[in-house]
Amino acid sequence: MATDYDAPRKTEEDQSEESIEELKARRHDKNSGKVDEDEAEAAESFELPGADLSHEELAVEVKPKQEDEFTCMSCFLVHHRSQLADQKKMICFDCAA
């Protein structure tokens, strides 16, 4: 694309004035700020805090704590004995660091 170097250049003020005028023109357009969104579809993806989840099933098998595991007294996660940093406090390496 050829550039005409002899043409008068627009300053930043001129460009900002044009953009302000464009914004003012768009402000009067009633549909410019609306977003096309299906309200029913959006509502299905949200879970409310008190929602009834009695029909849901647990997809993970929960096993009791094994003899070679301990519960960290800081983060309350169950770790293997190899992660035990302090036997008296029963804290894992992650929490001891």
N, C-alpha and C. Protein backbone atom coordinates (compact mmCIF):
# COMPACT_ATOMS: atom_id res chain seq x y z
N MET A 1 0.84 -1.16 0.00
CA MET A 1 0.00 0.00 0.00
C MET A 1 0.89 1.24 0.00
N ALA A 2 0.60 2.15 -0.85
CA ALA A 2 1.40 3.38 -0.97
C ALA A 2 1.01 4.36 0.12
N THR A 3 2.01 5.08 0.61
CA THR A 3 1.78 6.08 1.65
C THR A 3 2.09 7.45 1.09
N ASP A 4 1.18 8.38 1.29
CA ASP A 4 1.39 9.74 0.84
C ASP A 4 2.02 10.52 1.98
N TYR A 5 3.32 10.75 1.89
CA TYR A 5 4.03 11.43 2.96
C TYR A 5 3.78 12.94 2.97
N ASP A 6 3.20 13.48 1.91
CA ASP A 6 2.92 14.91 1.85
C ASP A 6 1.56 15.26 2.47
N ALA A 7 0.73 14.28 2.72
CA ALA A 7 -0.59 14.53 3.29
C ALA A 7 -0.44 14.98 4.74
N PRO A 8 -1.30 15.85 5.21
CA PRO A 8 -1.21 16.30 6.61
C PRO A 8 -1.50 15.13 7.55
N ARG A 9 -0.70 15.06 8.60
CA ARG A 9 -0.85 13.97 9.56
C ARG A 9 -1.85 14.37 10.64
N LYS A 10 -2.53 13.37 11.13
CA LYS A 10 -3.50 13.61 12.22
C LYS A 10 -2.77 13.47 13.54
N THR A 11 -3.04 14.37 14.45
CA THR A 11 -2.44 14.27 15.78
C THR A 11 -3.28 13.32 16.63
N GLU A 12 -2.76 13.02 17.80
CA GLU A 12 -3.49 12.13 18.71
C GLU A 12 -4.79 12.77 19.16
N GLU A 13 -4.79 14.11 19.30
CA GLU A 13 -6.01 14.80 19.70
C GLU A 13 -7.09 14.64 18.64
N ASP A 14 -6.70 14.75 17.37
CA ASP A 14 -7.66 14.59 16.29
C ASP A 14 -8.24 13.19 16.29
N GLN A 15 -7.38 12.20 16.50
CA GLN A 15 -7.85 10.81 16.50
C GLN A 15 -8.75 10.55 17.69
N SER A 16 -8.42 11.12 18.86
CA SER A 16 -9.26 10.89 20.03
C SER A 16 -10.60 11.59 19.89
N GLU A 17 -10.62 12.77 19.25
CA GLU A 17 -11.88 13.45 19.02
C GLU A 17 -12.79 12.63 18.11
N GLU A 18 -12.19 12.03 17.10
CA GLU A 18 -12.99 11.20 16.20
C GLU A 18 -13.57 9.99 16.95
N SER A 19 -12.74 9.39 17.78
CA SER A 19 -13.23 8.21 18.49
C SER A 19 -14.31 8.60 19.50
N ILE A 20 -14.20 9.79 20.11
CA ILE A 20 -15.23 10.24 21.04
C ILE A 20 -16.54 10.46 20.29
N GLU A 21 -16.44 11.05 19.11
CA GLU A 21 -17.64 11.28 18.31
C GLU A 21 -18.29 9.95 17.91
N GLU A 22 -17.46 8.98 17.57
CA GLU A 22 -17.99 7.66 17.22
C GLU A 22 -18.69 7.02 18.42
N LEU A 23 -18.08 7.17 19.59
CA LEU A 23 -18.69 6.60 20.79
C LEU A 23 -20.02 7.27 21.12
N LYS A 24 -20.06 8.58 20.95
CA LYS A 24 -21.32 9.29 21.20
C LYS A 24 -22.40 8.83 20.23
N ALA A 25 -22.01 8.59 18.99
CA ALA A 25 -22.99 8.13 18.00
C ALA A 25 -23.48 6.73 18.35
N ARG A 26 -22.58 5.88 18.83
CA ARG A 26 -22.96 4.50 19.18
C ARG A 26 -23.79 4.46 20.46
N ARG A 27 -23.61 5.46 21.32
CA ARG A 27 -24.34 5.48 22.59
C ARG A 27 -25.84 5.55 22.35
N HIS A 28 -26.24 6.21 21.28
CA HIS A 28 -27.65 6.36 20.99
C HIS A 28 -28.25 5.12 20.33
N ASP A 29 -27.40 4.22 19.89
CA ASP A 29 -27.87 2.97 19.30
C ASP A 29 -28.30 2.05 20.44
N LYS A 30 -29.57 1.68 20.50
CA LYS A 30 -30.10 0.93 21.64
C LYS A 30 -29.58 -0.49 21.73
N ASN A 31 -29.22 -1.10 20.62
CA ASN A 31 -28.80 -2.50 20.63
C ASN A 31 -27.29 -2.66 20.73
N SER A 32 -26.53 -1.60 20.82
CA SER A 32 -25.08 -1.72 20.80
C SER A 32 -24.52 -2.37 22.06
N GLY A 33 -25.16 -2.19 23.21
CA GLY A 33 -24.63 -2.72 24.45
C GLY A 33 -25.18 -4.08 24.83
N LYS A 34 -26.10 -4.61 24.09
CA LYS A 34 -26.71 -5.88 24.45
C LYS A 34 -25.85 -7.05 23.99
N VAL A 35 -25.86 -8.08 24.78
CA VAL A 35 -25.14 -9.30 24.47
C VAL A 35 -26.16 -10.38 24.18
N ASP A 36 -25.95 -11.10 23.10
CA ASP A 36 -26.87 -12.20 22.76
C ASP A 36 -26.53 -13.39 23.63
N GLU A 37 -27.40 -13.69 24.59
CA GLU A 37 -27.17 -14.81 25.48
C GLU A 37 -28.51 -15.43 25.83
N ASP A 38 -28.56 -16.73 25.74
CA ASP A 38 -29.78 -17.45 26.10
C ASP A 38 -29.80 -17.58 27.62
N GLU A 39 -30.75 -16.94 28.28
CA GLU A 39 -30.81 -16.94 29.73
C GLU A 39 -31.02 -18.33 30.31
N ALA A 40 -31.82 -19.13 29.67
CA ALA A 40 -32.08 -20.48 30.17
C ALA A 40 -30.82 -21.33 30.10
N GLU A 41 -30.07 -21.19 29.02
CA GLU A 41 -28.83 -21.96 28.87
C GLU A 41 -27.79 -21.52 29.90
N ALA A 42 -27.70 -20.24 30.16
CA ALA A 42 -26.76 -19.73 31.15
C ALA A 42 -27.14 -20.18 32.55
N ALA A 43 -28.42 -20.24 32.86
CA ALA A 43 -28.88 -20.63 34.19
C ALA A 43 -28.61 -22.10 34.48
N GLU A 44 -28.59 -22.93 33.46
CA GLU A 44 -28.35 -24.36 33.67
C GLU A 44 -26.93 -24.64 34.15
N SER A 45 -25.97 -23.80 33.81
CA SER A 45 -24.59 -24.05 34.17
C SER A 45 -24.26 -23.62 35.60
N PHE A 46 -25.15 -22.87 36.25
CA PHE A 46 -24.90 -22.40 37.61
C PHE A 46 -25.49 -23.35 38.63
N GLU A 47 -24.73 -23.60 39.71
CA GLU A 47 -25.25 -24.40 40.82
C GLU A 47 -25.43 -23.48 42.02
N LEU A 48 -26.59 -23.50 42.59
CA LEU A 48 -26.86 -22.67 43.75
C LEU A 48 -26.37 -23.37 45.01
N PRO A 49 -25.96 -22.60 46.03
CA PRO A 49 -25.41 -23.21 47.24
C PRO A 49 -26.35 -24.18 47.94
N GLY A 50 -27.64 -23.94 47.93
CA GLY A 50 -28.58 -24.82 48.61
C GLY A 50 -29.26 -25.80 47.68
N ALA A 51 -28.66 -26.09 46.53
CA ALA A 51 -29.30 -26.93 45.53
C ALA A 51 -29.43 -28.37 46.03
N ASP A 52 -30.47 -29.04 45.60
CA ASP A 52 -30.72 -30.44 45.96
C ASP A 52 -29.86 -31.34 45.09
N LEU A 53 -28.88 -32.00 45.70
CA LEU A 53 -27.98 -32.90 44.97
C LEU A 53 -28.21 -34.36 45.35
N SER A 54 -29.40 -34.67 45.85
CA SER A 54 -29.67 -36.03 46.30
C SER A 54 -29.68 -37.04 45.16
N HIS A 55 -29.91 -36.59 43.93
CA HIS A 55 -29.92 -37.51 42.79
C HIS A 55 -28.52 -37.76 42.24
N GLU A 56 -27.51 -37.01 42.73
CA GLU A 56 -26.14 -37.18 42.26
C GLU A 56 -25.48 -38.35 42.98
N GLU A 57 -24.59 -39.05 42.26
CA GLU A 57 -23.86 -40.15 42.86
C GLU A 57 -22.38 -39.83 42.90
N LEU A 58 -21.68 -40.34 43.90
CA LEU A 58 -20.26 -40.13 44.04
C LEU A 58 -19.53 -41.01 43.04
N ALA A 59 -18.67 -40.43 42.22
CA ALA A 59 -17.99 -41.17 41.17
C ALA A 59 -16.60 -41.63 41.60
N VAL A 60 -16.22 -41.40 42.87
CA VAL A 60 -14.90 -41.76 43.36
C VAL A 60 -15.06 -42.77 44.49
N GLU A 61 -14.23 -43.77 44.47
CA GLU A 61 -14.27 -44.76 45.55
C GLU A 61 -13.47 -44.23 46.74
N VAL A 62 -14.11 -44.12 47.88
CA VAL A 62 -13.47 -43.59 49.08
C VAL A 62 -13.02 -44.76 49.94
N LYS A 63 -11.72 -44.77 50.25
CA LYS A 63 -11.16 -45.84 51.07
C LYS A 63 -10.76 -45.27 52.42
N PRO A 64 -10.85 -46.05 53.48
CA PRO A 64 -10.40 -45.56 54.78
C PRO A 64 -8.88 -45.39 54.81
N LYS A 65 -8.40 -44.62 55.77
CA LYS A 65 -6.96 -44.38 55.90
C LYS A 65 -6.24 -45.70 56.17
N GLN A 66 -5.16 -45.95 55.45
CA GLN A 66 -4.40 -47.19 55.58
C GLN A 66 -3.39 -47.07 56.73
N GLU A 67 -2.80 -48.19 57.13
CA GLU A 67 -1.86 -48.20 58.25
C GLU A 67 -0.57 -47.44 57.93
N ASP A 68 -0.21 -47.37 56.66
CA ASP A 68 1.03 -46.67 56.28
C ASP A 68 0.77 -45.21 55.88
N GLU A 69 -0.37 -44.67 56.30
CA GLU A 69 -0.72 -43.30 55.99
C GLU A 69 -0.97 -42.52 57.27
N PHE A 70 -0.88 -41.19 57.18
CA PHE A 70 -1.17 -40.33 58.32
C PHE A 70 -1.92 -39.10 57.84
N THR A 71 -2.60 -38.45 58.76
CA THR A 71 -3.31 -37.21 58.45
C THR A 71 -2.49 -36.05 58.98
N CYS A 72 -2.13 -35.14 58.10
CA CYS A 72 -1.36 -33.96 58.49
C CYS A 72 -2.24 -33.08 59.37
N MET A 73 -1.68 -32.61 60.49
CA MET A 73 -2.43 -31.78 61.42
C MET A 73 -2.45 -30.31 61.00
N SER A 74 -1.80 -29.98 59.89
CA SER A 74 -1.82 -28.61 59.40
C SER A 74 -2.77 -28.47 58.21
N CYS A 75 -2.61 -29.32 57.20
CA CYS A 75 -3.46 -29.22 56.01
C CYS A 75 -4.60 -30.24 56.02
N PHE A 76 -4.55 -31.20 56.93
CA PHE A 76 -5.58 -32.24 57.10
C PHE A 76 -5.74 -33.13 55.88
N LEU A 77 -4.68 -33.28 55.10
CA LEU A 77 -4.68 -34.22 53.99
C LEU A 77 -4.06 -35.53 54.44
N VAL A 78 -4.47 -36.62 53.83
CA VAL A 78 -3.91 -37.93 54.15
C VAL A 78 -2.71 -38.16 53.23
N HIS A 79 -1.55 -38.43 53.84
CA HIS A 79 -0.31 -38.65 53.10
C HIS A 79 0.27 -40.01 53.47
N HIS A 80 1.18 -40.49 52.63
CA HIS A 80 1.93 -41.70 52.94
C HIS A 80 2.97 -41.36 54.01
N ARG A 81 3.36 -42.35 54.81
CA ARG A 81 4.32 -42.13 55.89
C ARG A 81 5.64 -41.52 55.39
N SER A 82 5.99 -41.74 54.14
CA SER A 82 7.24 -41.20 53.60
C SER A 82 7.19 -39.67 53.51
N GLN A 83 5.99 -39.06 53.61
CA GLN A 83 5.85 -37.61 53.56
C GLN A 83 5.83 -36.96 54.95
N LEU A 84 6.04 -37.77 56.00
CA LEU A 84 6.00 -37.27 57.37
C LEU A 84 7.27 -36.49 57.69
N ALA A 85 7.13 -35.20 58.02
CA ALA A 85 8.29 -34.35 58.32
C ALA A 85 8.55 -34.28 59.82
N ASP A 86 7.50 -34.23 60.63
CA ASP A 86 7.64 -34.12 62.08
C ASP A 86 6.70 -35.11 62.74
N GLN A 87 7.29 -36.14 63.38
CA GLN A 87 6.47 -37.21 63.95
C GLN A 87 5.67 -36.73 65.15
N LYS A 88 6.20 -35.81 65.95
CA LYS A 88 5.48 -35.32 67.12
C LYS A 88 4.28 -34.47 66.71
N LYS A 89 4.50 -33.56 65.75
CA LYS A 89 3.44 -32.66 65.33
C LYS A 89 2.56 -33.27 64.25
N MET A 90 3.00 -34.38 63.66
CA MET A 90 2.27 -35.05 62.56
C MET A 90 2.02 -34.05 61.42
N ILE A 91 3.12 -33.49 60.89
CA ILE A 91 3.03 -32.52 59.80
C ILE A 91 3.78 -33.07 58.60
N CYS A 92 3.21 -32.84 57.41
CA CYS A 92 3.83 -33.31 56.16
C CYS A 92 4.95 -32.37 55.74
N PHE A 93 5.76 -32.81 54.78
CA PHE A 93 6.86 -32.00 54.27
C PHE A 93 6.39 -30.69 53.65
N ASP A 94 5.27 -30.69 52.97
CA ASP A 94 4.76 -29.47 52.34
C ASP A 94 4.44 -28.40 53.38
N CYS A 95 3.82 -28.79 54.49
CA CYS A 95 3.45 -27.82 55.51
C CYS A 95 4.66 -27.42 56.37
N ALA A 96 5.65 -28.29 56.50
CA ALA A 96 6.83 -27.99 57.30
C ALA A 96 7.73 -26.99 56.58
N ALA A 97 7.63 -26.90 55.27
CA ALA A 97 8.53 -26.01 54.51
C ALA A 97 8.17 -24.57 54.63
